[in-house]
């Protein structure tokens, strides 16, 4: 991938982040969690918007996206000090209940083993504050077609609604530049 293609992809990520941030009206001092660091582009996008970001994935992550150097990119963009990394498993997060104002999964859910997706969703709701949001970004069909050019085995997008289980949530769906955006907020039955 050439530099201008990477820049275009990063701008699209920032656009999609802006759509979600506007929809959830996240204050600048919010506690945010980015699940699935990958190359760090989403965490960097959040840091650009002024947020202090906790990001993480398992140290054992063997996916292609799991070993990209996010720190160098964050340093190059001048936001390294706004991003903290902590290794964790999304199906058993080491955080207390009601810790984060927003929990983000940018292009992550479809990479989680299907039997674990309900648990991952439940964990995200557990660590989100009662007034917080859990936001999933899943690739659009057009984005998947671009991904398949370089990665023929890239999985299909997941529909987070399939993994809600018995949780009581309010759902909103938005269309991003490259991702479908699914926003879940706890209802009073979950708080």
C-alpha atoms as a PDB file:
ATOM      1  CA  UNK A   1       0.000   0.000   0.000  1.00  0.00           C
ATOM      2  CA  UNK A   2       1.429   3.376  -0.988  1.00  0.00           C
ATOM      3  CA  UNK A   3       1.713   6.369   1.354  1.00  0.00           C
ATOM      4  CA  UNK A   4      -1.233   8.293  -0.147  1.00  0.00           C
ATOM      5  CA  UNK A   5      -3.455   5.193   0.172  1.00  0.00           C
ATOM      6  CA  UNK A   6      -2.465   4.906   3.858  1.00  0.00           C
ATOM      7  CA  UNK A   7      -3.198   8.608   4.338  1.00  0.00           C
ATOM      8  CA  UNK A   8      -6.615   8.208   2.664  1.00  0.00           C
ATOM      9  CA  UNK A   9      -7.399   5.216   4.902  1.00  0.00           C
ATOM     10  CA  UNK A  10      -6.382   7.186   7.995  1.00  0.00           C
ATOM     11  CA  UNK A  11      -8.591  10.120   6.950  1.00  0.00           C
ATOM     12  CA  UNK A  12     -11.504   7.717   6.459  1.00  0.00           C
ATOM     13  CA  UNK A  13     -10.928   6.276   9.925  1.00  0.00           C
ATOM     14  CA  UNK A  14     -10.934   9.790  11.384  1.00  0.00           C
ATOM     15  CA  UNK A  15     -14.177  10.596   9.511  1.00  0.00           C
ATOM     16  CA  UNK A  16     -15.863   7.471  10.845  1.00  0.00           C
ATOM     17  CA  UNK A  17     -14.592   8.240  14.363  1.00  0.00           C
ATOM     18  CA  UNK A  18     -16.007  11.774  14.107  1.00  0.00           C
ATOM     19  CA  UNK A  19     -19.441  10.437  13.115  1.00  0.00           C
ATOM     20  CA  UNK A  20     -19.569   8.175  16.170  1.00  0.00           C
ATOM     21  CA  UNK A  21     -18.164  10.797  18.549  1.00  0.00           C
ATOM     22  CA  UNK A  22     -20.762  13.331  17.426  1.00  0.00           C
ATOM     23  CA  UNK A  23     -23.557  10.769  17.896  1.00  0.00           C
ATOM     24  CA  UNK A  24     -22.564   9.899  21.463  1.00  0.00           C
ATOM     25  CA  UNK A  25     -21.608  13.462  22.519  1.00  0.00           C
ATOM     26  CA  UNK A  26     -18.510  12.294  24.352  1.00  0.00           C
ATOM     27  CA  UNK A  27     -16.968  14.974  26.600  1.00  0.00           C
ATOM     28  CA  UNK A  28     -13.244  15.674  26.152  1.00  0.00           C
ATOM     29  CA  UNK A  29     -12.372  14.361  29.616  1.00  0.00           C
ATOM     30  CA  UNK A  30     -14.099  11.031  28.935  1.00  0.00           C
ATOM     31  CA  UNK A  31     -12.464   7.736  29.813  1.00  0.00           C
ATOM     32  CA  UNK A  32     -12.240   5.806  26.527  1.00  0.00           C
ATOM     33  CA  UNK A  33     -11.196   2.264  25.721  1.00  0.00           C
ATOM     34  CA  UNK A  34     -10.093   1.163  22.256  1.00  0.00           C
ATOM     35  CA  UNK A  35     -10.332  -2.636  22.057  1.00  0.00           C
ATOM     36  CA  UNK A  36      -8.004  -4.180  19.465  1.00  0.00           C
ATOM     37  CA  UNK A  37      -5.090  -1.803  18.966  1.00  0.00           C
ATOM     38  CA  UNK A  38      -3.835  -3.229  15.664  1.00  0.00           C
ATOM     39  CA  UNK A  39      -1.853  -0.515  13.904  1.00  0.00           C
ATOM     40  CA  UNK A  40      -3.191   2.101  16.300  1.00  0.00           C
ATOM     41  CA  UNK A  41      -4.991   4.227  13.722  1.00  0.00           C
ATOM     42  CA  UNK A  42      -8.235   4.371  15.673  1.00  0.00           C
ATOM     43  CA  UNK A  43      -6.494   5.135  18.982  1.00  0.00           C
ATOM     44  CA  UNK A  44      -4.537   7.871  17.192  1.00  0.00           C
ATOM     45  CA  UNK A  45      -7.793   9.243  15.760  1.00  0.00           C
ATOM     46  CA  UNK A  46      -9.287   9.438  19.259  1.00  0.00           C
ATOM     47  CA  UNK A  47      -6.116  11.093  20.586  1.00  0.00           C
ATOM     48  CA  UNK A  48      -6.298  13.667  17.752  1.00  0.00           C
ATOM     49  CA  UNK A  49      -9.743  14.578  19.060  1.00  0.00           C
ATOM     50  CA  UNK A  50      -8.227  15.283  22.484  1.00  0.00           C
ATOM     51  CA  UNK A  51      -9.050  12.054  24.318  1.00  0.00           C
ATOM     52  CA  UNK A  52      -6.692  10.138  26.557  1.00  0.00           C
ATOM     53  CA  UNK A  53      -7.019   6.613  25.220  1.00  0.00           C
ATOM     54  CA  UNK A  54      -6.456   3.244  26.828  1.00  0.00           C
ATOM     55  CA  UNK A  55      -5.969   0.725  24.048  1.00  0.00           C
ATOM     56  CA  UNK A  56      -5.194  -2.954  24.149  1.00  0.00           C
ATOM     57  CA  UNK A  57      -5.241  -6.416  22.727  1.00  0.00           C
ATOM     58  CA  UNK A  58      -3.745  -9.727  23.854  1.00  0.00           C
ATOM     59  CA  UNK A  59       0.047  -9.952  23.629  1.00  0.00           C
ATOM     60  CA  UNK A  60      -0.590 -13.306  21.970  1.00  0.00           C
ATOM     61  CA  UNK A  61      -2.588 -11.743  19.121  1.00  0.00           C
ATOM     62  CA  UNK A  62      -1.351 -13.565  16.023  1.00  0.00           C
ATOM     63  CA  UNK A  63      -3.431 -11.685  13.428  1.00  0.00           C
ATOM     64  CA  UNK A  64      -1.711  -9.686  10.713  1.00  0.00           C
ATOM     65  CA  UNK A  65      -3.079  -6.509  12.274  1.00  0.00           C
ATOM     66  CA  UNK A  66      -1.944  -7.360  15.783  1.00  0.00           C
ATOM     67  CA  UNK A  67       1.753  -6.666  15.378  1.00  0.00           C
ATOM     68  CA  UNK A  68       1.860  -3.318  13.627  1.00  0.00           C
ATOM     69  CA  UNK A  69       3.874  -0.626  15.369  1.00  0.00           C
ATOM     70  CA  UNK A  70       1.272   1.770  16.725  1.00  0.00           C
ATOM     71  CA  UNK A  71       3.736   3.591  18.993  1.00  0.00           C
ATOM     72  CA  UNK A  72       5.884   4.888  16.135  1.00  0.00           C
ATOM     73  CA  UNK A  73       2.785   6.117  14.296  1.00  0.00           C
ATOM     74  CA  UNK A  74       1.433   7.835  17.406  1.00  0.00           C
ATOM     75  CA  UNK A  75       4.810   9.495  17.993  1.00  0.00           C
ATOM     76  CA  UNK A  76       4.961  10.666  14.366  1.00  0.00           C
ATOM     77  CA  UNK A  77       1.479  12.215  14.755  1.00  0.00           C
ATOM     78  CA  UNK A  78       2.425  13.902  18.041  1.00  0.00           C
ATOM     79  CA  UNK A  79      -0.123  12.068  20.198  1.00  0.00           C
ATOM     80  CA  UNK A  80       1.925   9.275  21.814  1.00  0.00           C
ATOM     81  CA  UNK A  81       1.525  10.787  25.302  1.00  0.00           C
ATOM     82  CA  UNK A  82      -2.292  10.563  24.977  1.00  0.00           C
ATOM     83  CA  UNK A  83      -2.310   6.783  24.362  1.00  0.00           C
ATOM     84  CA  UNK A  84      -1.653   4.067  26.911  1.00  0.00           C
ATOM     85  CA  UNK A  85      -1.418   0.365  25.995  1.00  0.00           C
ATOM     86  CA  UNK A  86      -2.464  -2.519  28.225  1.00  0.00           C
ATOM     87  CA  UNK A  87      -2.585  -6.116  27.042  1.00  0.00           C
ATOM     88  CA  UNK A  88      -5.912  -7.813  27.754  1.00  0.00           C
ATOM     89  CA  UNK A  89      -8.398 -10.317  26.388  1.00  0.00           C
ATOM     90  CA  UNK A  90     -11.688  -8.708  25.324  1.00  0.00           C
ATOM     91  CA  UNK A  91     -13.656 -11.690  26.631  1.00  0.00           C
ATOM     92  CA  UNK A  92     -12.266 -11.173  30.160  1.00  0.00           C
ATOM     93  CA  UNK A  93     -11.375  -7.505  30.581  1.00  0.00           C
ATOM     94  CA  UNK A  94      -9.326  -6.604  33.680  1.00  0.00           C
ATOM     95  CA  UNK A  95     -11.366  -3.456  34.365  1.00  0.00           C
ATOM     96  CA  UNK A  96     -13.972  -2.688  36.992  1.00  0.00           C
ATOM     97  CA  UNK A  97     -17.629  -2.310  36.148  1.00  0.00           C
ATOM     98  CA  UNK A  98     -18.697   1.114  34.903  1.00  0.00           C
ATOM     99  CA  UNK A  99     -15.149   2.325  34.149  1.00  0.00           C
ATOM    100  CA  UNK A 100     -15.396   3.820  30.640  1.00  0.00           C
ATOM    101  CA  UNK A 101     -17.554   6.498  29.054  1.00  0.00           C
ATOM    102  CA  UNK A 102     -17.094   4.745  25.714  1.00  0.00           C
ATOM    103  CA  UNK A 103     -15.757   1.391  24.561  1.00  0.00           C
ATOM    104  CA  UNK A 104     -14.766   1.229  20.890  1.00  0.00           C
ATOM    105  CA  UNK A 105     -14.219  -1.788  18.624  1.00  0.00           C
ATOM    106  CA  UNK A 106     -12.911  -0.511  15.289  1.00  0.00           C
ATOM    107  CA  UNK A 107     -12.941  -3.423  12.839  1.00  0.00           C
ATOM    108  CA  UNK A 108     -12.529  -5.941  15.640  1.00  0.00           C
ATOM    109  CA  UNK A 109     -15.702  -7.957  16.242  1.00  0.00           C
ATOM    110  CA  UNK A 110     -15.515  -9.919  12.985  1.00  0.00           C
ATOM    111  CA  UNK A 111     -12.008 -11.102  14.007  1.00  0.00           C
ATOM    112  CA  UNK A 112     -13.248 -12.484  17.342  1.00  0.00           C
ATOM    113  CA  UNK A 113     -14.044 -16.207  17.338  1.00  0.00           C
ATOM    114  CA  UNK A 114     -17.800 -16.445  16.929  1.00  0.00           C
ATOM    115  CA  UNK A 115     -18.454 -18.396  20.167  1.00  0.00           C
ATOM    116  CA  UNK A 116     -16.748 -15.590  22.149  1.00  0.00           C
ATOM    117  CA  UNK A 117     -18.638 -12.669  20.601  1.00  0.00           C
ATOM    118  CA  UNK A 118     -21.520 -12.707  23.100  1.00  0.00           C
ATOM    119  CA  UNK A 119     -19.015 -12.706  25.978  1.00  0.00           C
ATOM    120  CA  UNK A 120     -17.024  -9.870  24.398  1.00  0.00           C
ATOM    121  CA  UNK A 121     -20.203  -7.819  23.962  1.00  0.00           C
ATOM    122  CA  UNK A 122     -21.261  -8.522  27.555  1.00  0.00           C
ATOM    123  CA  UNK A 123     -17.801  -7.527  28.849  1.00  0.00           C
ATOM    124  CA  UNK A 124     -17.913  -4.259  26.903  1.00  0.00           C
ATOM    125  CA  UNK A 125     -21.278  -3.420  28.449  1.00  0.00           C
ATOM    126  CA  UNK A 126     -19.969  -4.368  31.897  1.00  0.00           C
ATOM    127  CA  UNK A 127     -17.011  -1.957  31.732  1.00  0.00           C
ATOM    128  CA  UNK A 128     -19.061   0.854  30.136  1.00  0.00           C
ATOM    129  CA  UNK A 129     -20.537   3.410  32.514  1.00  0.00           C
ATOM    130  CA  UNK A 130     -24.352   3.471  32.856  1.00  0.00           C
ATOM    131  CA  UNK A 131     -24.438   6.580  30.655  1.00  0.00           C
ATOM    132  CA  UNK A 132     -21.691   5.251  28.368  1.00  0.00           C
ATOM    133  CA  UNK A 133     -21.692   3.698  24.935  1.00  0.00           C
ATOM    134  CA  UNK A 134     -20.267   0.627  23.280  1.00  0.00           C
ATOM    135  CA  UNK A 135     -19.458   1.358  19.655  1.00  0.00           C
ATOM    136  CA  UNK A 136     -18.682  -1.257  17.014  1.00  0.00           C
ATOM    137  CA  UNK A 137     -17.339  -0.350  13.581  1.00  0.00           C
ATOM    138  CA  UNK A 138     -17.697  -3.135  11.025  1.00  0.00           C
ATOM    139  CA  UNK A 139     -16.542  -2.907   7.392  1.00  0.00           C
ATOM    140  CA  UNK A 140     -19.037  -2.037   4.686  1.00  0.00           C
ATOM    141  CA  UNK A 141     -19.299  -4.290   1.650  1.00  0.00           C
ATOM    142  CA  UNK A 142     -17.190  -1.816  -0.371  1.00  0.00           C
ATOM    143  CA  UNK A 143     -14.529  -1.813   2.347  1.00  0.00           C
ATOM    144  CA  UNK A 144     -14.479  -5.610   2.469  1.00  0.00           C
ATOM    145  CA  UNK A 145     -13.893  -5.727  -1.276  1.00  0.00           C
ATOM    146  CA  UNK A 146     -10.858  -3.451  -0.833  1.00  0.00           C
ATOM    147  CA  UNK A 147      -9.552  -5.593   2.036  1.00  0.00           C
ATOM    148  CA  UNK A 148      -9.933  -8.791   0.028  1.00  0.00           C
ATOM    149  CA  UNK A 149      -7.529  -7.480  -2.614  1.00  0.00           C
ATOM    150  CA  UNK A 150      -4.600  -7.916  -0.188  1.00  0.00           C
ATOM    151  CA  UNK A 151      -6.123 -10.360   2.300  1.00  0.00           C
ATOM    152  CA  UNK A 152      -8.274 -13.005   0.594  1.00  0.00           C
ATOM    153  CA  UNK A 153      -9.059 -14.661   3.929  1.00  0.00           C
ATOM    154  CA  UNK A 154     -10.333 -11.514   5.660  1.00  0.00           C
ATOM    155  CA  UNK A 155     -13.613 -12.450   7.406  1.00  0.00           C
ATOM    156  CA  UNK A 156     -17.016 -11.024   6.596  1.00  0.00           C
ATOM    157  CA  UNK A 157     -18.330  -8.197   8.757  1.00  0.00           C
ATOM    158  CA  UNK A 158     -20.175  -9.146  11.924  1.00  0.00           C
ATOM    159  CA  UNK A 159     -23.550  -7.785  12.949  1.00  0.00           C
ATOM    160  CA  UNK A 160     -23.192  -6.889  16.644  1.00  0.00           C
ATOM    161  CA  UNK A 161     -26.964  -7.221  17.133  1.00  0.00           C
ATOM    162  CA  UNK A 162     -26.519 -10.977  16.667  1.00  0.00           C
ATOM    163  CA  UNK A 163     -24.465 -11.084  19.885  1.00  0.00           C
ATOM    164  CA  UNK A 164     -26.477  -8.963  22.307  1.00  0.00           C
ATOM    165  CA  UNK A 165     -27.727 -12.018  24.162  1.00  0.00           C
ATOM    166  CA  UNK A 166     -30.158 -11.071  26.939  1.00  0.00           C
ATOM    167  CA  UNK A 167     -28.639  -7.629  27.527  1.00  0.00           C
ATOM    168  CA  UNK A 168     -31.016  -4.653  27.562  1.00  0.00           C
ATOM    169  CA  UNK A 169     -29.579  -2.020  25.239  1.00  0.00           C
ATOM    170  CA  UNK A 170     -30.633   0.743  22.924  1.00  0.00           C
ATOM    171  CA  UNK A 171     -29.130   0.445  19.432  1.00  0.00           C
ATOM    172  CA  UNK A 172     -28.381   3.088  16.816  1.00  0.00           C
ATOM    173  CA  UNK A 173     -26.866   2.389  13.424  1.00  0.00           C
ATOM    174  CA  UNK A 174     -24.977   4.939  11.362  1.00  0.00           C
ATOM    175  CA  UNK A 175     -23.232   4.817   8.007  1.00  0.00           C
ATOM    176  CA  UNK A 176     -19.568   5.773   8.006  1.00  0.00           C
ATOM    177  CA  UNK A 177     -17.135   6.355   5.180  1.00  0.00           C
ATOM    178  CA  UNK A 178     -15.700   2.840   5.335  1.00  0.00           C
ATOM    179  CA  UNK A 179     -17.522   1.259   8.242  1.00  0.00           C
ATOM    180  CA  UNK A 180     -21.028   0.614   9.450  1.00  0.00           C
ATOM    181  CA  UNK A 181     -21.284   2.051  12.955  1.00  0.00           C
ATOM    182  CA  UNK A 182     -23.319   0.327  15.674  1.00  0.00           C
ATOM    183  CA  UNK A 183     -23.852   2.256  18.910  1.00  0.00           C
ATOM    184  CA  UNK A 184     -25.191   0.496  22.003  1.00  0.00           C
ATOM    185  CA  UNK A 185     -26.219   2.223  25.196  1.00  0.00           C
ATOM    186  CA  UNK A 186     -27.361   0.536  28.364  1.00  0.00           C
ATOM    187  CA  UNK A 187     -31.006   0.870  29.305  1.00  0.00           C
ATOM    188  CA  UNK A 188     -32.048   1.336  32.921  1.00  0.00           C
ATOM    189  CA  UNK A 189     -32.408  -2.462  33.295  1.00  0.00           C
ATOM    190  CA  UNK A 190     -28.612  -2.824  32.896  1.00  0.00           C
ATOM    191  CA  UNK A 191     -27.517  -0.111  35.289  1.00  0.00           C
END
